[in-house]
């Protein structure tokens, strides 16, 4: 049985949750709050003491982008991870954006507003202001981030943009981003999370 150590409000955990749901895989979710992450048992799973952590048999993986890459390679090779060298390069680009600009911009701003975390507010706002026009322009021309279908690029990049309102970012200014996150939330099997409900397919 797959085990996913996570919390309901974690966008990074939700990336993995979406992948598992879309793959129609069963998993046992282990709620792992900040206190639980300080335990020796959790440190044995990951020295970083961060979620999500994915456990399947003898395999333990941390980092949402790494987990998505594994799931794509194992269950949807080519389709989710890229069919050509060009697609694989583009997917890697968006995974990098998820771990850098999205994490240090919209995700950091949400962390401060929703959970009271101390961040470099001006820097996070500057990162978001620089990145949002880039992905908006891309999505204004494409239904999905890479190719003609959902890939792990979409799974990696979408949660913290879908939750941008919780970061005090007005998604009305970014309609293509909003349409894209709604498109994902309308896919069969989409697992809703607080702040990102399922949508009815058009």
Protein backbone atom coordinates (compact mmCIF):
# COMPACT_ATOMS: atom_id res chain seq x y z
CA UNK A 1 0.00 0.00 0.00
CA UNK A 2 1.24 3.47 -0.87
CA UNK A 3 1.60 5.79 2.10
CA UNK A 4 1.55 9.58 1.70
CA UNK A 5 2.69 11.71 4.60
CA UNK A 6 0.94 15.02 4.11
CA UNK A 7 -1.42 17.68 5.43
CA UNK A 8 -4.74 18.75 3.88
CA UNK A 9 -3.59 22.34 3.24
CA UNK A 10 -0.21 21.57 1.67
CA UNK A 11 -0.08 22.47 -2.01
CA UNK A 12 3.04 20.36 -2.43
CA UNK A 13 1.25 17.34 -0.98
CA UNK A 14 -1.71 18.03 -3.23
CA UNK A 15 0.50 17.69 -6.31
CA UNK A 16 1.09 14.07 -5.33
CA UNK A 17 -2.51 13.55 -4.26
CA UNK A 18 -3.69 14.65 -7.72
CA UNK A 19 -1.26 12.31 -9.45
CA UNK A 20 -2.37 9.34 -7.36
CA UNK A 21 -6.05 10.13 -7.93
CA UNK A 22 -5.67 10.61 -11.69
CA UNK A 23 -3.73 7.34 -11.84
CA UNK A 24 -6.54 5.64 -9.91
CA UNK A 25 -4.09 4.39 -7.31
CA UNK A 26 -5.10 3.70 -3.72
CA UNK A 27 -3.08 5.26 -0.92
CA UNK A 28 -3.08 5.59 2.83
CA UNK A 29 -2.74 9.25 3.77
CA UNK A 30 -0.85 9.86 7.01
CA UNK A 31 -1.65 13.31 8.44
CA UNK A 32 1.69 14.79 9.44
CA UNK A 33 1.53 18.19 11.10
CA UNK A 34 4.48 20.36 12.13
CA UNK A 35 4.78 18.64 15.51
CA UNK A 36 4.79 15.17 13.96
CA UNK A 37 7.53 16.25 11.56
CA UNK A 38 9.85 16.84 14.51
CA UNK A 39 9.65 13.22 15.64
CA UNK A 40 12.54 10.79 15.30
CA UNK A 41 10.27 8.43 13.35
CA UNK A 42 9.60 11.06 10.71
CA UNK A 43 13.26 12.08 10.59
CA UNK A 44 14.06 8.46 9.75
CA UNK A 45 11.91 8.86 6.64
CA UNK A 46 13.37 12.18 5.58
CA UNK A 47 16.19 14.17 7.16
CA UNK A 48 14.58 17.35 5.78
CA UNK A 49 11.51 16.80 8.00
CA UNK A 50 9.27 18.11 5.22
CA UNK A 51 6.14 16.86 3.50
CA UNK A 52 5.16 15.23 1.26
CA UNK A 53 6.87 11.92 1.76
CA UNK A 54 5.90 8.97 -0.45
CA UNK A 55 6.44 5.40 0.75
CA UNK A 56 5.82 2.34 -1.44
CA UNK A 57 7.36 -0.90 -0.26
CA UNK A 58 11.08 -0.33 0.08
CA UNK A 59 10.92 2.99 -1.76
CA UNK A 60 10.82 6.26 0.16
CA UNK A 61 10.80 9.51 -1.78
CA UNK A 62 10.65 13.11 -0.64
CA UNK A 63 10.06 16.28 -2.66
CA UNK A 64 6.88 16.62 -4.68
CA UNK A 65 8.67 17.13 -8.01
CA UNK A 66 10.74 13.97 -7.48
CA UNK A 67 7.63 11.98 -6.54
CA UNK A 68 5.78 13.21 -9.64
CA UNK A 69 8.73 12.26 -11.82
CA UNK A 70 8.75 8.75 -10.36
CA UNK A 71 5.00 8.28 -10.77
CA UNK A 72 5.12 9.48 -14.37
CA UNK A 73 7.99 7.14 -15.23
CA UNK A 74 6.36 4.16 -13.57
CA UNK A 75 2.72 4.57 -14.52
CA UNK A 76 2.47 6.98 -17.48
CA UNK A 77 5.87 6.83 -19.23
CA UNK A 78 6.12 9.34 -22.03
CA UNK A 79 2.57 10.57 -21.61
CA UNK A 80 3.11 12.45 -18.33
CA UNK A 81 6.87 12.83 -18.47
CA UNK A 82 7.31 13.89 -22.09
CA UNK A 83 7.12 12.00 -25.39
CA UNK A 84 10.09 13.72 -27.02
CA UNK A 85 13.35 15.26 -25.81
CA UNK A 86 11.77 18.65 -26.44
CA UNK A 87 8.75 17.88 -24.26
CA UNK A 88 10.93 16.44 -21.51
CA UNK A 89 13.01 19.61 -21.52
CA UNK A 90 9.89 21.80 -21.33
CA UNK A 91 8.48 19.71 -18.47
CA UNK A 92 11.77 20.07 -16.59
CA UNK A 93 11.51 23.83 -17.08
CA UNK A 94 8.07 24.00 -15.44
CA UNK A 95 9.16 21.68 -12.62
CA UNK A 96 11.98 24.15 -12.00
CA UNK A 97 9.52 27.06 -12.01
CA UNK A 98 7.37 25.17 -9.48
CA UNK A 99 10.32 24.68 -7.14
CA UNK A 100 11.67 28.21 -7.59
CA UNK A 101 9.43 31.05 -8.77
CA UNK A 102 6.12 29.55 -7.63
CA UNK A 103 7.54 28.34 -4.31
CA UNK A 104 9.30 31.63 -3.60
CA UNK A 105 6.48 33.83 -4.91
CA UNK A 106 2.81 32.77 -4.60
CA UNK A 107 3.46 29.84 -2.25
CA UNK A 108 5.58 31.94 0.10
CA UNK A 109 2.98 34.71 0.15
CA UNK A 110 0.27 32.17 1.00
CA UNK A 111 2.44 30.73 3.75
CA UNK A 112 2.76 34.17 5.32
CA UNK A 113 -0.90 35.15 4.98
CA UNK A 114 -2.51 31.84 5.93
CA UNK A 115 -0.05 30.50 8.47
CA UNK A 116 1.80 33.55 9.78
CA UNK A 117 5.20 32.50 8.48
CA UNK A 118 7.93 35.11 8.40
CA UNK A 119 9.10 35.69 4.82
CA UNK A 120 10.87 38.34 2.79
CA UNK A 121 7.57 39.87 1.72
CA UNK A 122 8.90 42.37 -0.82
CA UNK A 123 11.06 39.73 -2.45
CA UNK A 124 8.19 37.22 -2.67
CA UNK A 125 5.92 39.85 -4.20
CA UNK A 126 8.62 40.75 -6.72
CA UNK A 127 9.10 37.10 -7.71
CA UNK A 128 5.34 36.65 -8.17
CA UNK A 129 5.07 39.86 -10.19
CA UNK A 130 7.86 38.72 -12.50
CA UNK A 131 6.58 35.17 -12.97
CA UNK A 132 2.80 35.50 -13.24
CA UNK A 133 2.87 37.37 -16.59
CA UNK A 134 5.12 34.64 -17.99
CA UNK A 135 2.80 31.74 -17.22
CA UNK A 136 -0.29 33.80 -18.06
CA UNK A 137 1.07 34.56 -21.53
CA UNK A 138 1.94 30.89 -22.06
CA UNK A 139 -1.50 29.66 -20.96
CA UNK A 140 -3.22 32.25 -23.10
CA UNK A 141 -1.80 30.31 -26.06
CA UNK A 142 -1.91 26.73 -24.70
CA UNK A 143 -4.49 24.63 -22.85
CA UNK A 144 -1.75 22.74 -21.00
CA UNK A 145 1.77 23.73 -20.03
CA UNK A 146 3.42 21.16 -22.30
CA UNK A 147 1.95 19.42 -25.33
CA UNK A 148 -1.73 18.72 -25.82
CA UNK A 149 -2.50 16.98 -22.53
CA UNK A 150 -2.02 17.00 -18.79
CA UNK A 151 1.56 16.28 -17.71
CA UNK A 152 3.43 16.47 -14.44
CA UNK A 153 4.26 20.05 -15.40
CA UNK A 154 0.60 20.94 -14.79
CA UNK A 155 0.47 18.92 -11.57
CA UNK A 156 3.62 20.57 -10.23
CA UNK A 157 2.75 24.15 -11.11
CA UNK A 158 -0.99 24.36 -10.45
CA UNK A 159 -1.80 24.05 -6.72
CA UNK A 160 -0.21 27.24 -5.44
CA UNK A 161 -1.57 29.18 -8.42
CA UNK A 162 -5.07 27.78 -7.84
CA UNK A 163 -4.68 28.94 -4.22
CA UNK A 164 -3.33 32.35 -5.20
CA UNK A 165 -6.31 34.11 -3.64
CA UNK A 166 -5.04 32.87 -0.27
CA UNK A 167 -1.79 34.69 -1.06
CA UNK A 168 -3.69 37.96 -1.70
CA UNK A 169 -3.15 37.60 -5.45
CA UNK A 170 -6.18 38.58 -7.52
CA UNK A 171 -6.62 35.82 -10.10
CA UNK A 172 -9.12 38.02 -11.95
CA UNK A 173 -6.02 39.74 -13.33
CA UNK A 174 -4.79 36.40 -14.68
CA UNK A 175 -7.76 34.78 -16.48
CA UNK A 176 -5.75 32.19 -18.41
CA UNK A 177 -4.26 30.88 -15.17
CA UNK A 178 -7.73 30.66 -13.63
CA UNK A 179 -9.16 28.84 -16.64
CA UNK A 180 -6.27 26.36 -16.54
CA UNK A 181 -6.65 25.56 -12.83
CA UNK A 182 -10.42 25.18 -13.36
CA UNK A 183 -9.67 22.84 -16.28
CA UNK A 184 -7.57 20.65 -14.01
CA UNK A 185 -10.22 20.72 -11.29
CA UNK A 186 -12.80 19.51 -13.84
CA UNK A 187 -10.84 16.37 -14.74
CA UNK A 188 -12.43 13.07 -13.67
CA UNK A 189 -11.20 12.01 -10.27
CA UNK A 190 -9.85 15.42 -9.24
CA UNK A 191 -9.36 15.39 -5.45
CA UNK A 192 -10.67 18.68 -4.07
CA UNK A 193 -8.73 20.46 -1.34
CA UNK A 194 -9.67 23.43 0.85
CA UNK A 195 -9.48 26.48 -1.39
CA UNK A 196 -9.51 24.49 -4.64
CA UNK A 197 -12.88 22.79 -5.23
CA UNK A 198 -13.70 20.39 -8.03
CA UNK A 199 -15.26 21.96 -11.13
CA UNK A 200 -17.90 20.79 -13.55
CA UNK A 201 -16.41 19.93 -16.94
CA UNK A 202 -17.48 22.20 -19.78
